[in-house]
Amino acid sequence: DLNRKDRRLYDSATAARALTTAEFAELRAAGAVVVDARDPQEFAAGHLRGAVNVPADGRFAEQAGTVLDPADRLVVIAPEQREEEIVTRLARVGFDRAEGYLAAPEAALEALADEVAPAGRVTAAHLRTALTGDHPPLVVDVRTCGEREANGFLPEALHIPLSELPARTGELPTDRPLVLHCAGGHRSSVAASLLRHRGFEDVSDILGGYAAWALTATEPATA
């Protein structure tokens, strides 16, 4: 649909502008969506509440297109020296409403400390214990059908591929903890951040993904 419309030429020099902490905070308060392109582990250590994690080192364009809305105004937190790259990559797939990127994000996150939170990440061993408790979480598998068939799956898990998650969040309970997993922990961070952005409160993902879960199944028991 975007390709059929007349559009002005994209100017990366003006689009990818550095935002001060005050400008960034004002845009965020006005409804701009924070796209955090840092590594999932760095994102999990501390991120702005409501930010959507789409890591730069991955299938960035595809995943951005999956979890973001082209109608949204965006503000970007990017890995160092990759700010303009991230804004430009967003524009290439139709997300050309990026207002800019946060300059000096480490200092800015310190200044916005009241709005910063860690992301819940659990180990496979912790999840195994939780699933036997009185109030087990709902496990959500965001891998593709082919991955499940080839590598196995948790019988308890609800299968919603990442590509379908934005349209199927209504199938998820809001009164029960959710634990998401993919193959290795990348897509699950994207998916979990999307759910938190949409108002789900108790959302975690599995460190190491299904690969870590399968490994714990083969580890010998310890006394």
N, C-alpha and C. Protein backbone atom coordinates (compact mmCIF):
# COMPACT_ATOMS: atom_id res chain seq x y z
N ASP A 1 0.83 -1.20 0.00
CA ASP A 1 0.00 0.00 0.00
C ASP A 1 0.87 1.25 0.00
N LEU A 2 1.94 1.23 0.80
CA LEU A 2 2.83 2.39 0.84
C LEU A 2 3.49 2.64 -0.50
N ASN A 3 3.81 1.57 -1.22
CA ASN A 3 4.50 1.72 -2.50
C ASN A 3 3.62 2.33 -3.58
N ARG A 4 2.30 2.27 -3.40
CA ARG A 4 1.40 2.85 -4.40
C ARG A 4 1.15 4.34 -4.18
N LYS A 5 1.65 4.89 -3.09
CA LYS A 5 1.39 6.29 -2.77
C LYS A 5 2.58 7.17 -3.13
N ASP A 6 2.28 8.41 -3.50
CA ASP A 6 3.35 9.38 -3.69
C ASP A 6 3.88 9.80 -2.34
N ARG A 7 5.18 9.79 -2.21
CA ARG A 7 5.79 10.14 -0.93
C ARG A 7 7.00 11.02 -1.19
N ARG A 8 7.26 11.91 -0.24
CA ARG A 8 8.44 12.77 -0.38
C ARG A 8 9.70 11.93 -0.23
N LEU A 9 10.78 12.39 -0.82
CA LEU A 9 12.05 11.69 -0.71
C LEU A 9 12.53 11.70 0.74
N TYR A 10 13.05 10.58 1.16
CA TYR A 10 13.53 10.47 2.53
C TYR A 10 14.90 11.13 2.64
N ASP A 11 15.05 11.98 3.64
CA ASP A 11 16.31 12.68 3.87
C ASP A 11 16.89 12.20 5.20
N SER A 12 17.85 11.29 5.14
CA SER A 12 18.41 10.72 6.37
C SER A 12 19.10 11.78 7.22
N ALA A 13 19.61 12.82 6.60
CA ALA A 13 20.33 13.85 7.36
C ALA A 13 19.41 14.61 8.31
N THR A 14 18.17 14.81 7.91
CA THR A 14 17.23 15.53 8.78
C THR A 14 16.40 14.57 9.63
N ALA A 15 16.17 13.36 9.15
CA ALA A 15 15.33 12.42 9.89
C ALA A 15 16.03 11.89 11.13
N ALA A 16 17.28 11.53 10.98
CA ALA A 16 18.02 10.93 12.10
C ALA A 16 18.70 12.02 12.91
N ARG A 17 17.93 12.70 13.74
CA ARG A 17 18.50 13.77 14.54
C ARG A 17 18.61 13.34 15.99
N ALA A 18 19.62 13.85 16.67
CA ALA A 18 19.83 13.54 18.07
C ALA A 18 18.84 14.32 18.92
N LEU A 19 18.24 13.65 19.89
CA LEU A 19 17.28 14.27 20.79
C LEU A 19 17.90 14.43 22.17
N THR A 20 17.69 15.58 22.79
CA THR A 20 18.12 15.74 24.17
C THR A 20 17.20 14.88 25.06
N THR A 21 17.62 14.68 26.28
CA THR A 21 16.78 13.91 27.20
C THR A 21 15.42 14.56 27.37
N ALA A 22 15.39 15.88 27.46
CA ALA A 22 14.12 16.59 27.63
C ALA A 22 13.22 16.42 26.40
N GLU A 23 13.79 16.54 25.20
CA GLU A 23 13.01 16.36 23.97
C GLU A 23 12.46 14.94 23.88
N PHE A 24 13.32 13.98 24.18
CA PHE A 24 12.93 12.58 24.14
C PHE A 24 11.78 12.31 25.11
N ALA A 25 11.93 12.80 26.35
CA ALA A 25 10.90 12.59 27.38
C ALA A 25 9.59 13.24 26.97
N GLU A 26 9.66 14.41 26.36
CA GLU A 26 8.44 15.11 25.94
C GLU A 26 7.72 14.33 24.84
N LEU A 27 8.46 13.82 23.86
CA LEU A 27 7.86 13.04 22.78
C LEU A 27 7.26 11.74 23.31
N ARG A 28 7.97 11.10 24.22
CA ARG A 28 7.47 9.86 24.82
C ARG A 28 6.18 10.13 25.59
N ALA A 29 6.14 11.22 26.35
CA ALA A 29 4.94 11.57 27.11
C ALA A 29 3.77 11.88 26.19
N ALA A 30 4.08 12.36 24.98
CA ALA A 30 3.03 12.70 24.01
C ALA A 30 2.55 11.48 23.22
N GLY A 31 3.12 10.30 23.50
CA GLY A 31 2.63 9.08 22.87
C GLY A 31 3.56 8.42 21.88
N ALA A 32 4.75 8.99 21.66
CA ALA A 32 5.69 8.34 20.75
C ALA A 32 6.14 7.00 21.32
N VAL A 33 6.26 5.99 20.47
CA VAL A 33 6.68 4.65 20.89
C VAL A 33 8.20 4.60 20.93
N VAL A 34 8.75 4.11 22.03
CA VAL A 34 10.20 3.97 22.16
C VAL A 34 10.62 2.64 21.53
N VAL A 35 11.48 2.72 20.52
CA VAL A 35 12.06 1.53 19.90
C VAL A 35 13.48 1.39 20.43
N ASP A 36 13.71 0.35 21.23
CA ASP A 36 15.01 0.13 21.85
C ASP A 36 15.72 -0.96 21.08
N ALA A 37 16.77 -0.58 20.34
CA ALA A 37 17.45 -1.52 19.44
C ALA A 37 18.68 -2.16 20.07
N ARG A 38 18.79 -2.06 21.37
CA ARG A 38 19.94 -2.68 22.05
C ARG A 38 19.78 -4.19 22.16
N ASP A 39 20.87 -4.85 22.51
CA ASP A 39 20.89 -6.29 22.72
C ASP A 39 19.88 -6.66 23.82
N PRO A 40 19.22 -7.83 23.71
CA PRO A 40 18.23 -8.22 24.73
C PRO A 40 18.76 -8.22 26.15
N GLN A 41 20.01 -8.62 26.35
CA GLN A 41 20.55 -8.64 27.71
C GLN A 41 20.71 -7.22 28.26
N GLU A 42 21.18 -6.31 27.40
CA GLU A 42 21.32 -4.91 27.82
C GLU A 42 19.94 -4.30 28.07
N PHE A 43 18.99 -4.62 27.21
CA PHE A 43 17.62 -4.14 27.38
C PHE A 43 17.04 -4.66 28.69
N ALA A 44 17.28 -5.94 28.99
CA ALA A 44 16.73 -6.55 30.19
C ALA A 44 17.31 -5.92 31.46
N ALA A 45 18.56 -5.45 31.39
CA ALA A 45 19.19 -4.86 32.57
C ALA A 45 18.51 -3.57 32.99
N GLY A 46 17.92 -2.85 32.03
CA GLY A 46 17.23 -1.61 32.35
C GLY A 46 16.77 -0.91 31.11
N HIS A 47 15.46 -0.67 31.00
CA HIS A 47 14.89 -0.01 29.83
C HIS A 47 13.73 0.88 30.26
N LEU A 48 13.35 1.80 29.42
CA LEU A 48 12.21 2.65 29.72
C LEU A 48 10.93 1.83 29.64
N ARG A 49 10.07 1.99 30.62
CA ARG A 49 8.81 1.26 30.64
C ARG A 49 8.03 1.51 29.35
N GLY A 50 7.52 0.43 28.77
CA GLY A 50 6.76 0.54 27.54
C GLY A 50 7.57 0.49 26.27
N ALA A 51 8.91 0.46 26.40
CA ALA A 51 9.75 0.40 25.21
C ALA A 51 9.62 -0.96 24.54
N VAL A 52 9.71 -0.96 23.21
CA VAL A 52 9.66 -2.20 22.44
C VAL A 52 11.08 -2.53 22.00
N ASN A 53 11.55 -3.71 22.37
CA ASN A 53 12.90 -4.14 22.06
C ASN A 53 12.95 -4.82 20.70
N VAL A 54 13.60 -4.16 19.73
CA VAL A 54 13.85 -4.76 18.42
C VAL A 54 15.35 -4.68 18.18
N PRO A 55 16.11 -5.72 18.56
CA PRO A 55 17.57 -5.65 18.52
C PRO A 55 18.11 -5.41 17.11
N ALA A 56 19.12 -4.55 17.04
CA ALA A 56 19.72 -4.21 15.75
C ALA A 56 20.39 -5.42 15.11
N ASP A 57 21.00 -6.27 15.94
CA ASP A 57 21.71 -7.44 15.41
C ASP A 57 20.76 -8.62 15.35
N GLY A 58 20.00 -8.66 14.31
CA GLY A 58 19.01 -9.71 14.12
C GLY A 58 18.23 -9.36 12.86
N ARG A 59 17.05 -9.92 12.74
CA ARG A 59 16.20 -9.63 11.58
C ARG A 59 15.41 -8.37 11.89
N PHE A 60 16.15 -7.27 11.96
CA PHE A 60 15.61 -6.02 12.47
C PHE A 60 14.41 -5.53 11.67
N ALA A 61 14.54 -5.43 10.36
CA ALA A 61 13.45 -4.88 9.55
C ALA A 61 12.20 -5.74 9.65
N GLU A 62 12.39 -7.05 9.57
CA GLU A 62 11.25 -7.97 9.64
C GLU A 62 10.54 -7.86 10.99
N GLN A 63 11.32 -7.83 12.06
CA GLN A 63 10.72 -7.79 13.39
C GLN A 63 10.10 -6.43 13.70
N ALA A 64 10.73 -5.36 13.22
CA ALA A 64 10.13 -4.04 13.37
C ALA A 64 8.79 -3.99 12.65
N GLY A 65 8.75 -4.54 11.44
CA GLY A 65 7.51 -4.57 10.69
C GLY A 65 6.43 -5.41 11.34
N THR A 66 6.84 -6.37 12.16
CA THR A 66 5.89 -7.25 12.83
C THR A 66 5.26 -6.58 14.05
N VAL A 67 6.06 -5.89 14.85
CA VAL A 67 5.56 -5.43 16.16
C VAL A 67 5.27 -3.94 16.23
N LEU A 68 5.64 -3.16 15.21
CA LEU A 68 5.39 -1.72 15.22
C LEU A 68 4.29 -1.36 14.25
N ASP A 69 3.69 -0.19 14.46
CA ASP A 69 2.63 0.32 13.59
C ASP A 69 3.18 1.52 12.82
N PRO A 70 3.11 1.50 11.48
CA PRO A 70 3.64 2.62 10.69
C PRO A 70 2.99 3.96 11.03
N ALA A 71 1.82 3.93 11.64
CA ALA A 71 1.13 5.18 11.99
C ALA A 71 1.71 5.83 13.25
N ASP A 72 2.49 5.07 14.01
CA ASP A 72 3.02 5.58 15.27
C ASP A 72 4.20 6.52 15.04
N ARG A 73 4.29 7.53 15.88
CA ARG A 73 5.52 8.31 15.96
C ARG A 73 6.50 7.50 16.80
N LEU A 74 7.77 7.50 16.40
CA LEU A 74 8.77 6.68 17.06
C LEU A 74 9.91 7.54 17.59
N VAL A 75 10.49 7.09 18.68
CA VAL A 75 11.77 7.63 19.16
C VAL A 75 12.66 6.42 19.42
N VAL A 76 13.94 6.57 19.13
CA VAL A 76 14.85 5.43 19.07
C VAL A 76 15.93 5.50 20.15
N ILE A 77 16.19 4.34 20.76
CA ILE A 77 17.39 4.14 21.57
C ILE A 77 18.21 3.10 20.82
N ALA A 78 19.43 3.43 20.46
CA ALA A 78 20.22 2.56 19.59
C ALA A 78 21.58 2.26 20.21
N PRO A 79 22.22 1.16 19.77
CA PRO A 79 23.60 0.93 20.18
C PRO A 79 24.49 2.10 19.72
N GLU A 80 25.55 2.32 20.45
CA GLU A 80 26.45 3.43 20.15
C GLU A 80 26.95 3.38 18.71
N GLN A 81 26.96 4.53 18.07
CA GLN A 81 27.42 4.71 16.70
C GLN A 81 26.51 4.07 15.64
N ARG A 82 25.32 3.62 16.05
CA ARG A 82 24.41 3.01 15.08
C ARG A 82 23.05 3.72 15.05
N GLU A 83 23.01 4.93 15.60
CA GLU A 83 21.75 5.64 15.72
C GLU A 83 21.15 5.96 14.34
N GLU A 84 21.94 6.56 13.47
CA GLU A 84 21.43 6.92 12.14
C GLU A 84 21.07 5.68 11.34
N GLU A 85 21.85 4.63 11.50
CA GLU A 85 21.56 3.38 10.81
C GLU A 85 20.18 2.84 11.19
N ILE A 86 19.86 2.85 12.48
CA ILE A 86 18.59 2.31 12.95
C ILE A 86 17.43 3.14 12.41
N VAL A 87 17.53 4.45 12.49
CA VAL A 87 16.45 5.32 11.98
C VAL A 87 16.25 5.09 10.49
N THR A 88 17.35 4.95 9.74
CA THR A 88 17.26 4.74 8.29
C THR A 88 16.66 3.37 7.98
N ARG A 89 17.06 2.35 8.71
CA ARG A 89 16.51 1.01 8.47
C ARG A 89 15.01 0.95 8.75
N LEU A 90 14.56 1.71 9.75
CA LEU A 90 13.13 1.80 10.00
C LEU A 90 12.42 2.45 8.81
N ALA A 91 13.00 3.53 8.29
CA ALA A 91 12.37 4.24 7.18
C ALA A 91 12.28 3.37 5.93
N ARG A 92 13.25 2.50 5.73
CA ARG A 92 13.26 1.66 4.53
C ARG A 92 12.08 0.71 4.47
N VAL A 93 11.50 0.38 5.62
CA VAL A 93 10.36 -0.53 5.63
C VAL A 93 9.07 0.21 6.02
N GLY A 94 9.05 1.52 5.79
CA GLY A 94 7.82 2.28 5.95
C GLY A 94 7.64 3.00 7.26
N PHE A 95 8.58 2.88 8.18
CA PHE A 95 8.47 3.56 9.47
C PHE A 95 9.28 4.86 9.42
N ASP A 96 8.73 5.82 8.70
CA ASP A 96 9.46 7.06 8.50
C ASP A 96 8.93 8.20 9.37
N ARG A 97 8.28 7.83 10.48
CA ARG A 97 7.82 8.83 11.43
C ARG A 97 8.68 8.82 12.69
N ALA A 98 9.93 8.42 12.54
CA ALA A 98 10.87 8.47 13.67
C ALA A 98 11.27 9.92 13.89
N GLU A 99 11.08 10.39 15.11
CA GLU A 99 11.40 11.77 15.44
C GLU A 99 12.90 11.97 15.68
N GLY A 100 13.61 10.88 15.90
CA GLY A 100 15.03 10.96 16.14
C GLY A 100 15.45 9.92 17.15
N TYR A 101 16.68 10.06 17.63
CA TYR A 101 17.22 9.08 18.56
C TYR A 101 17.73 9.77 19.81
N LEU A 102 17.78 9.01 20.89
CA LEU A 102 18.22 9.54 22.17
C LEU A 102 19.74 9.67 22.18
N ALA A 103 20.21 10.90 22.37
CA ALA A 103 21.65 11.12 22.48
C ALA A 103 22.12 10.70 23.87
N ALA A 104 23.31 10.13 23.96
CA ALA A 104 23.90 9.71 25.23
C ALA A 104 22.91 8.93 26.07
N PRO A 105 22.46 7.76 25.59
CA PRO A 105 21.40 7.03 26.30
C PRO A 105 21.74 6.62 27.72
N GLU A 106 22.98 6.28 28.02
CA GLU A 106 23.31 5.86 29.38
C GLU A 106 23.04 6.99 30.37
N ALA A 107 23.49 8.19 30.04
CA ALA A 107 23.26 9.33 30.92
C ALA A 107 21.77 9.66 30.98
N ALA A 108 21.09 9.53 29.84
CA ALA A 108 19.66 9.84 29.80
C ALA A 108 18.86 8.86 30.65
N LEU A 109 19.21 7.58 30.59
CA LEU A 109 18.49 6.60 31.40
C LEU A 109 18.71 6.84 32.90
N GLU A 110 19.88 7.34 33.24
CA GLU A 110 20.12 7.70 34.64
C GLU A 110 19.23 8.87 35.04
N ALA A 111 19.09 9.84 34.13
CA ALA A 111 18.25 11.00 34.41
C ALA A 111 16.78 10.62 34.49
N LEU A 112 16.40 9.57 33.78
CA LEU A 112 15.00 9.12 33.77
C LEU A 112 14.83 7.86 34.62
N ALA A 113 15.62 7.76 35.67
CA ALA A 113 15.68 6.52 36.46
C ALA A 113 14.31 6.08 36.98
N ASP A 114 13.44 7.01 37.28
CA ASP A 114 12.11 6.64 37.79
C ASP A 114 11.29 5.91 36.74
N GLU A 115 11.65 6.04 35.47
CA GLU A 115 10.91 5.41 34.38
C GLU A 115 11.61 4.16 33.85
N VAL A 116 12.72 3.78 34.48
CA VAL A 116 13.51 2.64 34.01
C VAL A 116 13.18 1.41 34.84
N ALA A 117 13.05 0.27 34.17
CA ALA A 117 12.75 -0.99 34.86
C ALA A 117 13.51 -2.13 34.18
N PRO A 118 13.82 -3.19 34.92
CA PRO A 118 14.42 -4.38 34.30
C PRO A 118 13.35 -5.21 33.62
N ALA A 119 13.77 -6.06 32.71
CA ALA A 119 12.85 -7.01 32.08
C ALA A 119 13.01 -8.36 32.76
N GLY A 120 11.89 -9.03 33.02
CA GLY A 120 11.96 -10.33 33.66
C GLY A 120 12.51 -11.38 32.71
N ARG A 121 13.57 -12.05 33.14
CA ARG A 121 14.12 -13.16 32.37
C ARG A 121 14.36 -14.31 33.35
N VAL A 122 13.87 -15.48 33.06
CA VAL A 122 13.99 -16.62 33.97
C VAL A 122 14.82 -17.71 33.33
N THR A 123 15.46 -18.50 34.16
CA THR A 123 16.20 -19.65 33.64
C THR A 123 15.23 -20.79 33.37
N ALA A 124 15.66 -21.72 32.54
CA ALA A 124 14.84 -22.88 32.26
C ALA A 124 14.58 -23.69 33.53
N ALA A 125 15.59 -23.79 34.39
CA ALA A 125 15.41 -24.53 35.65
C ALA A 125 14.37 -23.86 36.54
N HIS A 126 14.40 -22.54 36.59
CA HIS A 126 13.41 -21.81 37.39
C HIS A 126 12.00 -22.06 36.84
N LEU A 127 11.87 -22.06 35.53
CA LEU A 127 10.56 -22.29 34.93
C LEU A 127 10.06 -23.70 35.25
N ARG A 128 10.94 -24.70 35.20
CA ARG A 128 10.52 -26.07 35.51
C ARG A 128 9.93 -26.14 36.92
N THR A 129 10.54 -25.44 37.85
CA THR A 129 10.04 -25.42 39.22
C THR A 129 8.70 -24.70 39.28
N ALA A 130 8.60 -23.56 38.58
CA ALA A 130 7.37 -22.76 38.62
C ALA A 130 6.19 -23.53 38.04
N LEU A 131 6.44 -24.35 37.03
CA LEU A 131 5.35 -25.09 36.38
C LEU A 131 4.75 -26.16 37.28
N THR A 132 5.47 -26.54 38.32
CA THR A 132 4.94 -27.55 39.26
C THR A 132 4.31 -26.91 40.49
N GLY A 133 4.29 -25.57 40.53
CA GLY A 133 3.73 -24.87 41.68
C GLY A 133 2.22 -24.76 41.63
N ASP A 134 1.67 -24.10 42.64
CA ASP A 134 0.22 -23.96 42.74
C ASP A 134 -0.35 -22.98 41.71
N HIS A 135 0.46 -22.02 41.29
CA HIS A 135 0.01 -21.02 40.33
C HIS A 135 1.00 -20.94 39.17
N PRO A 136 1.02 -21.94 38.32
CA PRO A 136 2.02 -21.97 37.23
C PRO A 136 1.77 -20.87 36.21
N PRO A 137 2.83 -20.37 35.60
CA PRO A 137 2.66 -19.37 34.54
C PRO A 137 2.17 -20.03 33.26
N LEU A 138 1.66 -19.22 32.36
CA LEU A 138 1.35 -19.70 31.02
C LEU A 138 2.58 -19.51 30.15
N VAL A 139 3.05 -20.59 29.54
CA VAL A 139 4.20 -20.52 28.65
C VAL A 139 3.69 -20.25 27.23
N VAL A 140 4.33 -19.30 26.56
CA VAL A 140 3.95 -18.94 25.19
C VAL A 140 5.16 -19.14 24.29
N ASP A 141 5.01 -20.00 23.30
CA ASP A 141 6.06 -20.34 22.34
C ASP A 141 5.89 -19.45 21.11
N VAL A 142 6.88 -18.58 20.82
CA VAL A 142 6.76 -17.64 19.70
C VAL A 142 7.56 -18.09 18.48
N ARG A 143 8.00 -19.35 18.46
CA ARG A 143 8.72 -19.87 17.30
C ARG A 143 7.73 -20.19 16.17
N THR A 144 8.28 -20.56 15.03
CA THR A 144 7.45 -20.97 13.90
C THR A 144 7.02 -22.43 14.06
N CYS A 145 6.04 -22.83 13.26
CA CYS A 145 5.59 -24.23 13.29
C CYS A 145 6.72 -25.18 12.93
N GLY A 146 7.51 -24.80 11.95
CA GLY A 146 8.62 -25.65 11.52
C GLY A 146 9.64 -25.89 12.61
N GLU A 147 9.92 -24.87 13.40
CA GLU A 147 10.87 -25.01 14.49
C GLU A 147 10.35 -25.98 15.55
N ARG A 148 9.08 -25.88 15.85
CA ARG A 148 8.49 -26.78 16.84
C ARG A 148 8.55 -28.23 16.35
N GLU A 149 8.23 -28.45 15.09
CA GLU A 149 8.24 -29.80 14.54
C GLU A 149 9.64 -30.38 14.50
N ALA A 150 10.63 -29.53 14.18
CA ALA A 150 12.00 -30.02 14.04
C ALA A 150 12.70 -30.21 15.37
N ASN A 151 12.40 -29.36 16.35
CA ASN A 151 13.21 -29.35 17.58
C ASN A 151 12.47 -29.73 18.84
N GLY A 152 11.16 -29.88 18.77
CA GLY A 152 10.39 -30.21 19.96
C GLY A 152 9.76 -28.99 20.58
N PHE A 153 8.92 -29.23 21.61
CA PHE A 153 8.21 -28.12 22.23
C PHE A 153 7.75 -28.51 23.63
N LEU A 154 7.38 -27.52 24.41
CA LEU A 154 6.83 -27.75 25.74
C LEU A 154 5.35 -28.08 25.57
N PRO A 155 4.89 -29.23 26.07
CA PRO A 155 3.48 -29.59 25.93
C PRO A 155 2.54 -28.55 26.55
N GLU A 156 3.04 -27.86 27.59
CA GLU A 156 2.20 -26.89 28.30
C GLU A 156 2.05 -25.57 27.54
N ALA A 157 2.87 -25.36 26.52
CA ALA A 157 2.96 -24.03 25.91
C ALA A 157 1.84 -23.75 24.93
N LEU A 158 1.39 -22.49 24.94
CA LEU A 158 0.48 -21.98 23.92
C LEU A 158 1.34 -21.50 22.77
N HIS A 159 1.02 -21.93 21.55
CA HIS A 159 1.85 -21.55 20.41
C HIS A 159 1.25 -20.35 19.69
N ILE A 160 1.97 -19.22 19.74
CA ILE A 160 1.61 -18.02 18.97
C ILE A 160 2.89 -17.50 18.34
N PRO A 161 3.14 -17.77 17.07
CA PRO A 161 4.36 -17.26 16.44
C PRO A 161 4.47 -15.74 16.56
N LEU A 162 5.68 -15.25 16.63
CA LEU A 162 5.89 -13.81 16.77
C LEU A 162 5.15 -13.04 15.69
N SER A 163 5.13 -13.56 14.47
CA SER A 163 4.46 -12.85 13.38
C SER A 163 2.96 -12.69 13.61
N GLU A 164 2.38 -13.54 14.46
CA GLU A 164 0.94 -13.48 14.72
C GLU A 164 0.61 -12.81 16.05
N LEU A 165 1.62 -12.59 16.87
CA LEU A 165 1.36 -12.11 18.23
C LEU A 165 0.62 -10.78 18.29
N PRO A 166 0.97 -9.77 17.48
CA PRO A 166 0.24 -8.49 17.60
C PRO A 166 -1.26 -8.63 17.41
N ALA A 167 -1.69 -9.56 16.56
CA ALA A 167 -3.12 -9.73 16.29
C ALA A 167 -3.79 -10.69 17.27
N ARG A 168 -3.00 -11.39 18.09
CA ARG A 168 -3.58 -12.43 18.95
C ARG A 168 -3.37 -12.18 20.43
N THR A 169 -2.98 -10.96 20.80
CA THR A 169 -2.77 -10.70 22.23
C THR A 169 -4.05 -10.87 23.04
N GLY A 170 -5.19 -10.75 22.38
CA GLY A 170 -6.46 -10.94 23.08
C GLY A 170 -6.67 -12.35 23.58
N GLU A 171 -5.88 -13.31 23.09
CA GLU A 171 -6.00 -14.69 23.55
C GLU A 171 -5.26 -14.94 24.87
N LEU A 172 -4.49 -13.95 25.31
CA LEU A 172 -3.65 -14.14 26.49
C LEU A 172 -4.32 -13.59 27.74
N PRO A 173 -4.20 -14.30 28.86
CA PRO A 173 -4.80 -13.83 30.11
C PRO A 173 -4.02 -12.66 30.69
N THR A 174 -4.71 -11.77 31.35
CA THR A 174 -4.06 -10.64 32.01
C THR A 174 -3.88 -10.87 33.49
N ASP A 175 -4.43 -11.98 34.01
CA ASP A 175 -4.37 -12.25 35.44
C ASP A 175 -3.48 -13.44 35.77
N ARG A 176 -2.58 -13.77 34.88
CA ARG A 176 -1.70 -14.93 35.09
C ARG A 176 -0.32 -14.59 34.56
N PRO A 177 0.76 -14.99 35.24
CA PRO A 177 2.11 -14.72 34.72
C PRO A 177 2.31 -15.39 33.36
N LEU A 178 3.01 -14.68 32.48
CA LEU A 178 3.33 -15.20 31.16
C LEU A 178 4.84 -15.37 31.04
N VAL A 179 5.26 -16.50 30.50
CA VAL A 179 6.68 -16.73 30.22
C VAL A 179 6.80 -17.10 28.74
N LEU A 180 7.53 -16.29 28.00
CA LEU A 180 7.65 -16.49 26.56
C LEU A 180 8.99 -17.13 26.24
N HIS A 181 9.01 -17.88 25.15
CA HIS A 181 10.30 -18.41 24.69
C HIS A 181 10.32 -18.53 23.18
N CYS A 182 11.53 -18.43 22.64
CA CYS A 182 11.77 -18.71 21.22
C CYS A 182 12.84 -19.79 21.17
N ALA A 183 13.72 -19.75 20.18
CA ALA A 183 14.77 -20.75 20.09
C ALA A 183 15.93 -20.44 21.03
N GLY A 184 16.36 -19.16 21.05
CA GLY A 184 17.55 -18.83 21.82
C GLY A 184 17.44 -17.62 22.73
N GLY A 185 16.32 -16.89 22.71
CA GLY A 185 16.15 -15.76 23.60
C GLY A 185 16.10 -14.40 22.95
N HIS A 186 16.16 -14.37 21.60
CA HIS A 186 16.14 -13.09 20.88
C HIS A 186 14.69 -12.66 20.60
N ARG A 187 13.94 -13.48 19.88
CA ARG A 187 12.56 -13.11 19.55
C ARG A 187 11.68 -13.03 20.78
N SER A 188 11.98 -13.82 21.80
CA SER A 188 11.16 -13.77 23.00
C SER A 188 11.30 -12.42 23.70
N SER A 189 12.46 -11.78 23.60
CA SER A 189 12.63 -10.45 24.18
C SER A 189 11.77 -9.44 23.42
N VAL A 190 11.75 -9.57 22.08
CA VAL A 190 10.89 -8.71 21.26
C VAL A 190 9.43 -8.90 21.66
N ALA A 191 9.01 -10.17 21.74
CA ALA A 191 7.61 -10.48 22.04
C ALA A 191 7.22 -10.02 23.44
N ALA A 192 8.06 -10.28 24.43
CA ALA A 192 7.75 -9.88 25.80
C ALA A 192 7.65 -8.37 25.93
N SER A 193 8.54 -7.65 25.25
CA SER A 193 8.48 -6.19 25.32
C SER A 193 7.21 -5.66 24.68
N LEU A 194 6.76 -6.30 23.60
CA LEU A 194 5.50 -5.89 22.97
C LEU A 194 4.33 -6.06 23.93
N LEU A 195 4.29 -7.18 24.64
CA LEU A 195 3.20 -7.42 25.58
C LEU A 195 3.23 -6.40 26.71
N ARG A 196 4.41 -6.09 27.23
CA ARG A 196 4.48 -5.07 28.28
C ARG A 196 4.02 -3.72 27.73
N HIS A 197 4.41 -3.41 26.50
CA HIS A 197 3.98 -2.16 25.88
C HIS A 197 2.46 -2.09 25.79
N ARG A 198 1.83 -3.24 25.61
CA ARG A 198 0.37 -3.28 25.48
C ARG A 198 -0.35 -3.45 26.82
N GLY A 199 0.40 -3.40 27.91
CA GLY A 199 -0.25 -3.36 29.20
C GLY A 199 -0.20 -4.63 30.02
N PHE A 200 0.39 -5.71 29.50
CA PHE A 200 0.56 -6.93 30.30
C PHE A 200 1.66 -6.67 31.33
N GLU A 201 1.40 -7.02 32.57
CA GLU A 201 2.32 -6.63 33.64
C GLU A 201 3.32 -7.71 34.02
N ASP A 202 2.89 -8.95 34.13
CA ASP A 202 3.78 -10.01 34.62
C ASP A 202 4.24 -10.86 33.43
N VAL A 203 5.26 -10.38 32.74
CA VAL A 203 5.75 -11.04 31.52
C VAL A 203 7.25 -11.25 31.64
N SER A 204 7.69 -12.48 31.41
CA SER A 204 9.12 -12.81 31.41
C SER A 204 9.42 -13.62 30.16
N ASP A 205 10.70 -13.83 29.91
CA ASP A 205 11.07 -14.77 28.86
C ASP A 205 12.22 -15.63 29.35
N ILE A 206 12.44 -16.75 28.65
CA ILE A 206 13.42 -17.75 29.10
C ILE A 206 14.80 -17.40 28.58
N LEU A 207 15.75 -17.27 29.48
CA LEU A 207 17.14 -17.08 29.07
C LEU A 207 17.61 -18.29 28.26
N GLY A 208 18.08 -18.06 27.06
CA GLY A 208 18.56 -19.16 26.24
C GLY A 208 17.49 -19.88 25.47
N GLY A 209 16.22 -19.52 25.67
CA GLY A 209 15.13 -20.06 24.89
C GLY A 209 14.94 -21.57 25.02
N TYR A 210 14.35 -22.15 23.98
CA TYR A 210 14.06 -23.59 24.01
C TYR A 210 15.34 -24.41 24.08
N ALA A 211 16.43 -23.88 23.52
CA ALA A 211 17.70 -24.61 23.59
C ALA A 211 18.11 -24.84 25.04
N ALA A 212 17.92 -23.82 25.89
CA ALA A 212 18.26 -23.96 27.30
C ALA A 212 17.30 -24.94 27.99
N TRP A 213 16.02 -24.88 27.62
CA TRP A 213 15.04 -25.81 28.19
C TRP A 213 15.41 -27.26 27.84
N ALA A 214 15.73 -27.51 26.60
CA ALA A 214 16.09 -28.87 26.18
C ALA A 214 17.34 -29.35 26.89
N LEU A 215 18.27 -28.44 27.14
CA LEU A 215 19.51 -28.81 27.82
C LEU A 215 19.24 -29.23 29.26
N THR A 216 18.33 -28.54 29.95
CA THR A 216 18.04 -28.91 31.34
C THR A 216 17.37 -30.27 31.41
N ALA A 217 16.70 -30.67 30.35
CA ALA A 217 16.03 -31.98 30.34
C ALA A 217 17.04 -33.12 30.31
N THR A 218 18.25 -32.83 29.83
CA THR A 218 19.27 -33.87 29.70
C THR A 218 20.31 -33.82 30.80
N GLU A 219 20.22 -32.78 31.66
CA GLU A 219 21.22 -32.66 32.73
C GLU A 219 20.91 -33.66 33.85
N PRO A 220 21.93 -34.28 34.40
CA PRO A 220 21.70 -35.22 35.51
C PRO A 220 21.24 -34.47 36.75
N ALA A 221 20.40 -35.11 37.52
CA ALA A 221 19.93 -34.51 38.78
C ALA A 221 21.09 -34.40 39.76
N THR A 222 21.04 -33.35 40.60
CA THR A 222 22.08 -33.16 41.61
C THR A 222 21.46 -33.28 42.98
N ALA A 223 22.26 -33.72 43.92
CA ALA A 223 21.76 -33.90 45.29
C ALA A 223 21.60 -32.55 45.96
